[in-house]
Amino acid sequence: MGLMDVMLKRRSTRKFGDEQITKEELDKILQAALLAPTSMNRKPCNFMVVERAETLEKLSKSKNHGADLIKGANKAIVVIADTMIADTWCEDSSIALTYMHLMATELGVGSCWVQIHLRSKEGIDSEEIVRDILKIDNHYRIVGILALGHSEDIPKPHKEADIDKSRIHFLV
């Protein structure tokens, strides 16, 4: 599958089945994260793989809306970035999440990016909630969590005809 095919096929999956993510699949998804470019190659991101059902359940309650799907995932990868290494933690984390999302698609693994940064649960910052659940130091920031699982409920791929080229502007 070519890169354009992967990008067209990449869709967020919110329902997962019981089939386990294999070690090989997880390793490739994590390798993709580690290959993601970062500003000045500082590599501030770390990747916490969550497998325990109880922890997935807690993470699914880390924000008001949109995190429930984590409790049904087989695994989740929490991307944490060290602010003492780089001030580009948000961008660097976002690129790593995207690389993992695309690799999951390449492997036929369902995935969904759950935003944590700038979200809250009953007035409490979602990053703070996730830090507390995973016992993470305050100098780490959390942009998002990638939920992973095999699924029969992956939406159909986009088509090249779906691409809105009217958003492209050439300045001459």
N, C-alpha and C. Protein backbone atom coordinates (compact mmCIF):
# COMPACT_ATOMS: atom_id res chain seq x y z
N MET A 1 0.86 -1.17 0.00
CA MET A 1 0.00 0.00 0.00
C MET A 1 0.90 1.23 0.00
N GLY A 2 0.66 2.17 -0.91
CA GLY A 2 1.42 3.40 -0.96
C GLY A 2 0.96 4.38 0.12
N LEU A 3 1.77 5.39 0.37
CA LEU A 3 1.45 6.36 1.41
C LEU A 3 0.10 7.05 1.18
N MET A 4 -0.19 7.44 -0.06
CA MET A 4 -1.48 8.08 -0.34
C MET A 4 -2.63 7.12 -0.03
N ASP A 5 -2.45 5.84 -0.33
CA ASP A 5 -3.47 4.84 -0.02
C ASP A 5 -3.71 4.76 1.49
N VAL A 6 -2.62 4.77 2.26
CA VAL A 6 -2.73 4.72 3.72
C VAL A 6 -3.47 5.95 4.23
N MET A 7 -3.13 7.12 3.69
CA MET A 7 -3.78 8.35 4.14
C MET A 7 -5.27 8.35 3.79
N LEU A 8 -5.62 7.83 2.62
CA LEU A 8 -7.03 7.75 2.26
C LEU A 8 -7.78 6.74 3.13
N LYS A 9 -7.09 5.67 3.49
CA LYS A 9 -7.71 4.60 4.28
C LYS A 9 -7.81 4.94 5.77
N ARG A 10 -6.97 5.84 6.26
CA ARG A 10 -6.94 6.16 7.69
C ARG A 10 -8.27 6.79 8.13
N ARG A 11 -8.93 6.11 9.04
CA ARG A 11 -10.19 6.60 9.59
C ARG A 11 -10.19 6.30 11.08
N SER A 12 -10.83 7.13 11.85
CA SER A 12 -10.91 6.89 13.29
C SER A 12 -11.91 5.78 13.58
N THR A 13 -11.49 4.88 14.45
CA THR A 13 -12.29 3.73 14.85
C THR A 13 -12.66 3.89 16.31
N ARG A 14 -13.93 3.76 16.62
CA ARG A 14 -14.37 3.97 18.00
C ARG A 14 -14.96 2.71 18.65
N LYS A 15 -15.02 1.63 17.90
CA LYS A 15 -15.51 0.36 18.44
C LYS A 15 -14.49 -0.71 18.10
N PHE A 16 -14.10 -1.45 19.12
CA PHE A 16 -13.05 -2.45 18.95
C PHE A 16 -13.56 -3.83 19.34
N GLY A 17 -12.97 -4.85 18.71
CA GLY A 17 -13.32 -6.23 19.02
C GLY A 17 -12.40 -6.80 20.08
N ASP A 18 -12.50 -8.09 20.27
CA ASP A 18 -11.73 -8.78 21.31
C ASP A 18 -10.34 -9.23 20.87
N GLU A 19 -10.08 -9.23 19.56
CA GLU A 19 -8.79 -9.70 19.07
C GLU A 19 -7.67 -8.82 19.62
N GLN A 20 -6.63 -9.48 20.09
CA GLN A 20 -5.50 -8.79 20.71
C GLN A 20 -4.58 -8.16 19.65
N ILE A 21 -4.03 -7.00 19.99
CA ILE A 21 -2.96 -6.41 19.19
C ILE A 21 -1.73 -7.29 19.42
N THR A 22 -1.08 -7.71 18.36
CA THR A 22 0.10 -8.57 18.53
C THR A 22 1.31 -7.73 18.93
N LYS A 23 2.30 -8.41 19.46
CA LYS A 23 3.55 -7.74 19.82
C LYS A 23 4.18 -7.10 18.59
N GLU A 24 4.13 -7.79 17.46
CA GLU A 24 4.70 -7.27 16.22
C GLU A 24 3.98 -6.00 15.77
N GLU A 25 2.66 -6.00 15.85
CA GLU A 25 1.88 -4.81 15.47
C GLU A 25 2.22 -3.64 16.39
N LEU A 26 2.23 -3.90 17.69
CA LEU A 26 2.55 -2.85 18.66
C LEU A 26 3.96 -2.31 18.45
N ASP A 27 4.91 -3.22 18.22
CA ASP A 27 6.30 -2.79 17.98
C ASP A 27 6.39 -1.86 16.77
N LYS A 28 5.69 -2.19 15.68
CA LYS A 28 5.74 -1.35 14.48
C LYS A 28 5.09 0.01 14.72
N ILE A 29 4.00 0.03 15.46
CA ILE A 29 3.32 1.30 15.77
C ILE A 29 4.25 2.17 16.62
N LEU A 30 4.92 1.57 17.59
CA LEU A 30 5.85 2.33 18.44
C LEU A 30 7.10 2.75 17.67
N GLN A 31 7.57 1.93 16.76
CA GLN A 31 8.70 2.33 15.91
C GLN A 31 8.33 3.55 15.08
N ALA A 32 7.11 3.58 14.57
CA ALA A 32 6.65 4.74 13.80
C ALA A 32 6.70 6.00 14.66
N ALA A 33 6.29 5.88 15.92
CA ALA A 33 6.33 7.02 16.84
C ALA A 33 7.76 7.50 17.04
N LEU A 34 8.67 6.56 17.20
CA LEU A 34 10.06 6.91 17.44
C LEU A 34 10.76 7.48 16.20
N LEU A 35 10.19 7.22 15.04
CA LEU A 35 10.73 7.76 13.79
C LEU A 35 10.16 9.15 13.46
N ALA A 36 9.15 9.57 14.20
CA ALA A 36 8.53 10.86 13.91
C ALA A 36 9.53 12.00 14.12
N PRO A 37 9.56 12.95 13.20
CA PRO A 37 10.49 14.07 13.36
C PRO A 37 10.07 14.97 14.52
N THR A 38 11.06 15.58 15.13
CA THR A 38 10.81 16.55 16.19
C THR A 38 11.68 17.78 15.94
N SER A 39 11.28 18.89 16.51
CA SER A 39 12.03 20.13 16.34
C SER A 39 13.46 19.95 16.83
N MET A 40 14.40 20.28 15.97
CA MET A 40 15.83 20.19 16.27
C MET A 40 16.26 18.80 16.76
N ASN A 41 15.44 17.78 16.42
CA ASN A 41 15.70 16.39 16.78
C ASN A 41 15.86 16.20 18.29
N ARG A 42 15.15 17.00 19.07
CA ARG A 42 15.26 16.91 20.53
C ARG A 42 14.58 15.68 21.12
N LYS A 43 13.58 15.15 20.44
CA LYS A 43 12.89 13.93 20.87
C LYS A 43 12.34 14.02 22.31
N PRO A 44 11.41 14.95 22.58
CA PRO A 44 10.88 15.09 23.93
C PRO A 44 9.80 14.08 24.29
N CYS A 45 9.33 13.30 23.32
CA CYS A 45 8.17 12.43 23.56
C CYS A 45 8.57 11.07 24.14
N ASN A 46 7.71 10.60 25.03
CA ASN A 46 7.77 9.26 25.56
C ASN A 46 6.39 8.64 25.32
N PHE A 47 6.33 7.32 25.31
CA PHE A 47 5.12 6.63 24.93
C PHE A 47 4.77 5.59 25.98
N MET A 48 3.68 5.81 26.67
CA MET A 48 3.24 4.90 27.73
C MET A 48 2.17 3.98 27.17
N VAL A 49 2.48 2.70 27.11
CA VAL A 49 1.55 1.72 26.58
C VAL A 49 0.69 1.21 27.73
N VAL A 50 -0.61 1.38 27.59
CA VAL A 50 -1.56 0.96 28.63
C VAL A 50 -2.30 -0.27 28.12
N GLU A 51 -2.22 -1.34 28.93
CA GLU A 51 -2.87 -2.60 28.56
C GLU A 51 -3.91 -3.04 29.60
N ARG A 52 -3.76 -2.60 30.83
CA ARG A 52 -4.65 -3.04 31.91
C ARG A 52 -6.05 -2.45 31.72
N ALA A 53 -7.06 -3.32 31.77
CA ALA A 53 -8.45 -2.89 31.57
C ALA A 53 -8.86 -1.81 32.58
N GLU A 54 -8.40 -1.93 33.81
CA GLU A 54 -8.77 -0.94 34.83
C GLU A 54 -8.22 0.44 34.50
N THR A 55 -6.99 0.47 33.98
CA THR A 55 -6.37 1.74 33.63
C THR A 55 -7.03 2.32 32.38
N LEU A 56 -7.35 1.48 31.41
CA LEU A 56 -8.07 1.94 30.22
C LEU A 56 -9.42 2.54 30.63
N GLU A 57 -10.09 1.90 31.56
CA GLU A 57 -11.38 2.40 32.07
C GLU A 57 -11.21 3.78 32.72
N LYS A 58 -10.17 3.95 33.53
CA LYS A 58 -9.93 5.25 34.17
C LYS A 58 -9.64 6.33 33.13
N LEU A 59 -8.80 5.99 32.14
CA LEU A 59 -8.48 6.96 31.09
C LEU A 59 -9.72 7.35 30.28
N SER A 60 -10.66 6.42 30.15
CA SER A 60 -11.88 6.70 29.38
C SER A 60 -12.75 7.75 30.06
N LYS A 61 -12.44 8.05 31.30
CA LYS A 61 -13.21 9.05 32.06
C LYS A 61 -12.40 10.33 32.30
N SER A 62 -11.39 10.54 31.48
CA SER A 62 -10.47 11.66 31.71
C SER A 62 -10.94 12.99 31.14
N LYS A 63 -12.04 12.99 30.40
CA LYS A 63 -12.57 14.24 29.86
C LYS A 63 -14.07 14.12 29.69
N ASN A 64 -14.73 15.25 29.50
CA ASN A 64 -16.19 15.26 29.43
C ASN A 64 -16.76 14.44 28.28
N HIS A 65 -16.16 14.56 27.09
CA HIS A 65 -16.70 13.89 25.91
C HIS A 65 -15.57 13.31 25.05
N GLY A 66 -15.84 12.16 24.43
CA GLY A 66 -14.94 11.64 23.41
C GLY A 66 -13.86 10.69 23.88
N ALA A 67 -13.85 10.33 25.15
CA ALA A 67 -12.82 9.40 25.63
C ALA A 67 -13.40 8.02 25.98
N ASP A 68 -14.72 7.88 25.98
CA ASP A 68 -15.35 6.62 26.36
C ASP A 68 -14.82 5.42 25.58
N LEU A 69 -14.46 5.64 24.32
CA LEU A 69 -14.00 4.55 23.47
C LEU A 69 -12.73 3.88 23.99
N ILE A 70 -11.98 4.55 24.84
CA ILE A 70 -10.72 3.98 25.36
C ILE A 70 -11.00 2.70 26.15
N LYS A 71 -12.10 2.66 26.88
CA LYS A 71 -12.38 1.46 27.70
C LYS A 71 -12.60 0.22 26.86
N GLY A 72 -12.98 0.38 25.58
CA GLY A 72 -13.16 -0.77 24.70
C GLY A 72 -11.94 -1.13 23.88
N ALA A 73 -10.88 -0.32 24.00
CA ALA A 73 -9.66 -0.56 23.24
C ALA A 73 -8.88 -1.73 23.83
N ASN A 74 -8.08 -2.36 22.99
CA ASN A 74 -7.20 -3.43 23.44
C ASN A 74 -5.98 -2.84 24.16
N LYS A 75 -5.50 -1.72 23.62
CA LYS A 75 -4.36 -1.00 24.19
C LYS A 75 -4.55 0.48 23.90
N ALA A 76 -3.83 1.29 24.64
CA ALA A 76 -3.79 2.71 24.36
C ALA A 76 -2.36 3.19 24.56
N ILE A 77 -1.96 4.15 23.75
CA ILE A 77 -0.63 4.73 23.89
C ILE A 77 -0.80 6.19 24.26
N VAL A 78 -0.33 6.53 25.45
CA VAL A 78 -0.38 7.91 25.94
C VAL A 78 0.94 8.56 25.55
N VAL A 79 0.84 9.65 24.79
CA VAL A 79 2.04 10.37 24.37
C VAL A 79 2.28 11.48 25.37
N ILE A 80 3.43 11.40 26.05
CA ILE A 80 3.80 12.43 27.01
C ILE A 80 5.08 13.11 26.51
N ALA A 81 5.15 14.41 26.70
CA ALA A 81 6.31 15.15 26.20
C ALA A 81 6.93 15.97 27.31
N ASP A 82 8.24 15.89 27.40
CA ASP A 82 9.01 16.56 28.45
C ASP A 82 9.25 18.02 28.07
N THR A 83 8.62 18.93 28.80
CA THR A 83 8.75 20.37 28.52
C THR A 83 10.14 20.89 28.88
N MET A 84 10.92 20.11 29.61
CA MET A 84 12.27 20.53 29.96
C MET A 84 13.24 20.26 28.80
N ILE A 85 12.79 19.48 27.83
CA ILE A 85 13.61 19.17 26.66
C ILE A 85 13.28 20.08 25.49
N ALA A 86 11.98 20.36 25.30
CA ALA A 86 11.59 21.16 24.13
C ALA A 86 10.29 21.91 24.40
N ASP A 87 10.22 23.12 23.86
CA ASP A 87 8.99 23.90 23.97
C ASP A 87 8.04 23.59 22.81
N THR A 88 8.44 22.69 21.94
CA THR A 88 7.63 22.28 20.80
C THR A 88 6.90 20.96 21.10
N TRP A 89 6.64 20.72 22.37
CA TRP A 89 6.03 19.47 22.81
C TRP A 89 4.69 19.19 22.13
N CYS A 90 3.90 20.22 21.89
CA CYS A 90 2.58 20.02 21.29
C CYS A 90 2.72 19.54 19.83
N GLU A 91 3.57 20.22 19.08
CA GLU A 91 3.79 19.84 17.69
C GLU A 91 4.45 18.47 17.58
N ASP A 92 5.47 18.25 18.39
CA ASP A 92 6.20 16.98 18.34
C ASP A 92 5.29 15.80 18.71
N SER A 93 4.46 15.99 19.73
CA SER A 93 3.52 14.94 20.13
C SER A 93 2.49 14.67 19.04
N SER A 94 2.02 15.73 18.42
CA SER A 94 1.01 15.60 17.36
C SER A 94 1.56 14.81 16.17
N ILE A 95 2.80 15.08 15.81
CA ILE A 95 3.41 14.35 14.69
C ILE A 95 3.55 12.87 15.06
N ALA A 96 3.99 12.58 16.28
CA ALA A 96 4.14 11.19 16.70
C ALA A 96 2.79 10.47 16.71
N LEU A 97 1.76 11.13 17.19
CA LEU A 97 0.42 10.54 17.17
C LEU A 97 -0.02 10.24 15.74
N THR A 98 0.25 11.16 14.84
CA THR A 98 -0.12 10.97 13.44
C THR A 98 0.64 9.79 12.82
N TYR A 99 1.93 9.71 13.08
CA TYR A 99 2.72 8.59 12.55
C TYR A 99 2.16 7.25 13.06
N MET A 100 1.82 7.18 14.34
CA MET A 100 1.26 5.95 14.90
C MET A 100 -0.08 5.62 14.27
N HIS A 101 -0.90 6.65 14.10
CA HIS A 101 -2.23 6.48 13.49
C HIS A 101 -2.09 5.90 12.08
N LEU A 102 -1.14 6.44 11.31
CA LEU A 102 -0.93 5.95 9.94
C LEU A 102 -0.37 4.52 9.93
N MET A 103 0.54 4.22 10.84
CA MET A 103 1.09 2.86 10.90
C MET A 103 0.01 1.86 11.29
N ALA A 104 -0.85 2.23 12.23
CA ALA A 104 -1.95 1.34 12.62
C ALA A 104 -2.81 1.04 11.39
N THR A 105 -3.08 2.06 10.59
CA THR A 105 -3.86 1.88 9.37
C THR A 105 -3.15 0.92 8.42
N GLU A 106 -1.87 1.12 8.22
CA GLU A 106 -1.07 0.25 7.34
C GLU A 106 -1.18 -1.20 7.78
N LEU A 107 -1.26 -1.44 9.10
CA LEU A 107 -1.30 -2.80 9.65
C LEU A 107 -2.71 -3.37 9.75
N GLY A 108 -3.71 -2.55 9.43
CA GLY A 108 -5.09 -3.00 9.56
C GLY A 108 -5.61 -2.97 10.98
N VAL A 109 -4.97 -2.17 11.84
CA VAL A 109 -5.37 -2.02 13.24
C VAL A 109 -6.22 -0.76 13.36
N GLY A 110 -7.35 -0.87 14.02
CA GLY A 110 -8.19 0.29 14.26
C GLY A 110 -7.55 1.21 15.27
N SER A 111 -7.74 2.52 15.10
CA SER A 111 -7.16 3.47 16.03
C SER A 111 -7.99 4.75 16.07
N CYS A 112 -7.88 5.44 17.20
CA CYS A 112 -8.54 6.73 17.34
C CYS A 112 -7.71 7.61 18.27
N TRP A 113 -7.45 8.83 17.82
CA TRP A 113 -6.71 9.82 18.58
C TRP A 113 -7.71 10.50 19.52
N VAL A 114 -7.45 10.43 20.82
CA VAL A 114 -8.28 11.07 21.83
C VAL A 114 -7.51 12.27 22.36
N GLN A 115 -8.02 13.46 22.06
CA GLN A 115 -7.35 14.69 22.51
C GLN A 115 -7.49 14.85 24.01
N ILE A 116 -6.39 15.18 24.66
CA ILE A 116 -6.37 15.44 26.10
C ILE A 116 -6.03 16.91 26.36
N HIS A 117 -5.06 17.43 25.62
CA HIS A 117 -4.65 18.83 25.76
C HIS A 117 -5.84 19.75 25.50
N LEU A 118 -6.02 20.72 26.35
CA LEU A 118 -7.10 21.73 26.26
C LEU A 118 -8.49 21.14 26.50
N ARG A 119 -8.57 20.00 27.16
CA ARG A 119 -9.86 19.40 27.50
C ARG A 119 -9.97 19.29 29.02
N SER A 120 -11.19 19.05 29.49
CA SER A 120 -11.39 18.98 30.94
C SER A 120 -12.51 18.00 31.27
N LYS A 121 -12.60 17.68 32.54
CA LYS A 121 -13.66 16.83 33.08
C LYS A 121 -14.19 17.54 34.32
N GLU A 122 -15.41 18.03 34.22
CA GLU A 122 -16.05 18.72 35.35
C GLU A 122 -15.15 19.81 35.91
N GLY A 123 -14.55 20.60 35.02
CA GLY A 123 -13.72 21.73 35.42
C GLY A 123 -12.28 21.40 35.78
N ILE A 124 -11.91 20.13 35.74
CA ILE A 124 -10.53 19.72 36.04
C ILE A 124 -9.82 19.43 34.72
N ASP A 125 -8.62 19.98 34.56
CA ASP A 125 -7.82 19.80 33.35
C ASP A 125 -7.58 18.31 33.09
N SER A 126 -7.91 17.85 31.88
CA SER A 126 -7.74 16.44 31.53
C SER A 126 -6.29 15.97 31.61
N GLU A 127 -5.35 16.85 31.28
CA GLU A 127 -3.94 16.47 31.41
C GLU A 127 -3.62 16.13 32.87
N GLU A 128 -4.17 16.91 33.78
CA GLU A 128 -3.94 16.68 35.21
C GLU A 128 -4.53 15.33 35.63
N ILE A 129 -5.70 15.02 35.10
CA ILE A 129 -6.35 13.73 35.42
C ILE A 129 -5.48 12.57 34.92
N VAL A 130 -5.00 12.66 33.69
CA VAL A 130 -4.16 11.59 33.13
C VAL A 130 -2.84 11.49 33.89
N ARG A 131 -2.25 12.63 34.23
CA ARG A 131 -1.00 12.62 35.02
C ARG A 131 -1.22 11.88 36.33
N ASP A 132 -2.35 12.12 36.97
CA ASP A 132 -2.66 11.48 38.25
C ASP A 132 -2.86 9.96 38.06
N ILE A 133 -3.58 9.56 37.03
CA ILE A 133 -3.84 8.13 36.78
C ILE A 133 -2.52 7.39 36.54
N LEU A 134 -1.62 7.99 35.74
CA LEU A 134 -0.39 7.31 35.34
C LEU A 134 0.83 7.69 36.18
N LYS A 135 0.62 8.55 37.17
CA LYS A 135 1.71 8.98 38.07
C LYS A 135 2.85 9.63 37.29
N ILE A 136 2.50 10.64 36.49
CA ILE A 136 3.46 11.33 35.63
C ILE A 136 3.82 12.67 36.27
N ASP A 137 5.09 13.04 36.20
CA ASP A 137 5.54 14.33 36.73
C ASP A 137 4.89 15.50 35.99
N ASN A 138 4.77 16.63 36.67
CA ASN A 138 4.08 17.81 36.14
C ASN A 138 4.77 18.45 34.93
N HIS A 139 6.06 18.21 34.74
CA HIS A 139 6.72 18.84 33.59
C HIS A 139 6.47 18.08 32.27
N TYR A 140 5.69 17.01 32.34
CA TYR A 140 5.28 16.31 31.13
C TYR A 140 3.90 16.83 30.70
N ARG A 141 3.75 17.07 29.41
CA ARG A 141 2.48 17.49 28.85
C ARG A 141 1.91 16.35 28.02
N ILE A 142 0.58 16.31 27.93
CA ILE A 142 -0.11 15.21 27.26
C ILE A 142 -1.04 15.78 26.20
N VAL A 143 -0.68 15.59 24.94
CA VAL A 143 -1.52 16.07 23.85
C VAL A 143 -2.67 15.10 23.60
N GLY A 144 -2.36 13.81 23.62
CA GLY A 144 -3.42 12.85 23.31
C GLY A 144 -3.05 11.42 23.62
N ILE A 145 -4.05 10.59 23.42
CA ILE A 145 -3.94 9.15 23.64
C ILE A 145 -4.41 8.48 22.35
N LEU A 146 -3.66 7.49 21.89
CA LEU A 146 -4.09 6.73 20.72
C LEU A 146 -4.67 5.41 21.20
N ALA A 147 -5.98 5.24 21.02
CA ALA A 147 -6.65 3.98 21.36
C ALA A 147 -6.45 3.02 20.19
N LEU A 148 -6.18 1.75 20.51
CA LEU A 148 -5.89 0.75 19.48
C LEU A 148 -6.70 -0.52 19.69
N GLY A 149 -7.10 -1.13 18.60
CA GLY A 149 -7.78 -2.42 18.67
C GLY A 149 -8.18 -2.89 17.29
N HIS A 150 -8.36 -4.16 17.16
CA HIS A 150 -8.87 -4.69 15.89
C HIS A 150 -10.36 -4.41 15.85
N SER A 151 -10.87 -4.15 14.65
CA SER A 151 -12.26 -3.74 14.54
C SER A 151 -12.84 -4.11 13.19
N GLU A 152 -14.09 -4.46 13.20
CA GLU A 152 -14.85 -4.64 11.97
C GLU A 152 -15.62 -3.36 11.64
N ASP A 153 -15.44 -2.34 12.47
CA ASP A 153 -16.22 -1.11 12.38
C ASP A 153 -15.38 0.07 11.90
N ILE A 154 -14.42 -0.19 11.03
CA ILE A 154 -13.59 0.90 10.49
C ILE A 154 -14.36 1.53 9.33
N PRO A 155 -14.57 2.84 9.36
CA PRO A 155 -15.29 3.48 8.26
C PRO A 155 -14.58 3.25 6.92
N LYS A 156 -15.35 3.34 5.84
CA LYS A 156 -14.79 3.15 4.50
C LYS A 156 -13.75 4.23 4.22
N PRO A 157 -12.74 3.89 3.39
CA PRO A 157 -11.71 4.88 3.06
C PRO A 157 -12.29 6.09 2.33
N HIS A 158 -11.57 7.18 2.43
CA HIS A 158 -11.90 8.34 1.61
C HIS A 158 -11.53 8.00 0.17
N LYS A 159 -12.05 8.79 -0.75
CA LYS A 159 -11.68 8.67 -2.16
C LYS A 159 -10.95 9.94 -2.54
N GLU A 160 -10.08 9.84 -3.54
CA GLU A 160 -9.38 11.04 -3.99
C GLU A 160 -10.36 12.13 -4.38
N ALA A 161 -11.53 11.76 -4.87
CA ALA A 161 -12.55 12.75 -5.25
C ALA A 161 -13.08 13.52 -4.04
N ASP A 162 -12.88 12.97 -2.82
CA ASP A 162 -13.32 13.65 -1.60
C ASP A 162 -12.41 14.81 -1.20
N ILE A 163 -11.24 14.86 -1.78
CA ILE A 163 -10.26 15.89 -1.41
C ILE A 163 -10.74 17.25 -1.91
N ASP A 164 -10.89 18.19 -1.00
CA ASP A 164 -11.38 19.53 -1.32
C ASP A 164 -10.21 20.42 -1.74
N LYS A 165 -9.95 20.43 -3.04
CA LYS A 165 -8.80 21.18 -3.54
C LYS A 165 -9.06 22.69 -3.57
N SER A 166 -10.27 23.11 -3.25
CA SER A 166 -10.56 24.55 -3.21
C SER A 166 -9.85 25.21 -2.01
N ARG A 167 -9.32 24.42 -1.12
CA ARG A 167 -8.60 24.95 0.05
C ARG A 167 -7.14 25.24 -0.26
N ILE A 168 -6.72 24.94 -1.45
CA ILE A 168 -5.34 25.19 -1.87
C ILE A 168 -5.29 26.55 -2.58
N HIS A 169 -4.37 27.38 -2.18
CA HIS A 169 -4.25 28.73 -2.75
C HIS A 169 -2.82 28.96 -3.20
N PHE A 170 -2.64 29.28 -4.45
CA PHE A 170 -1.32 29.55 -4.99
C PHE A 170 -1.11 31.07 -5.02
N LEU A 171 -0.01 31.51 -4.44
CA LEU A 171 0.33 32.91 -4.43
C LEU A 171 1.39 33.14 -5.50
N VAL A 172 1.08 33.97 -6.47
CA VAL A 172 2.02 34.20 -7.56
C VAL A 172 2.43 35.65 -7.62
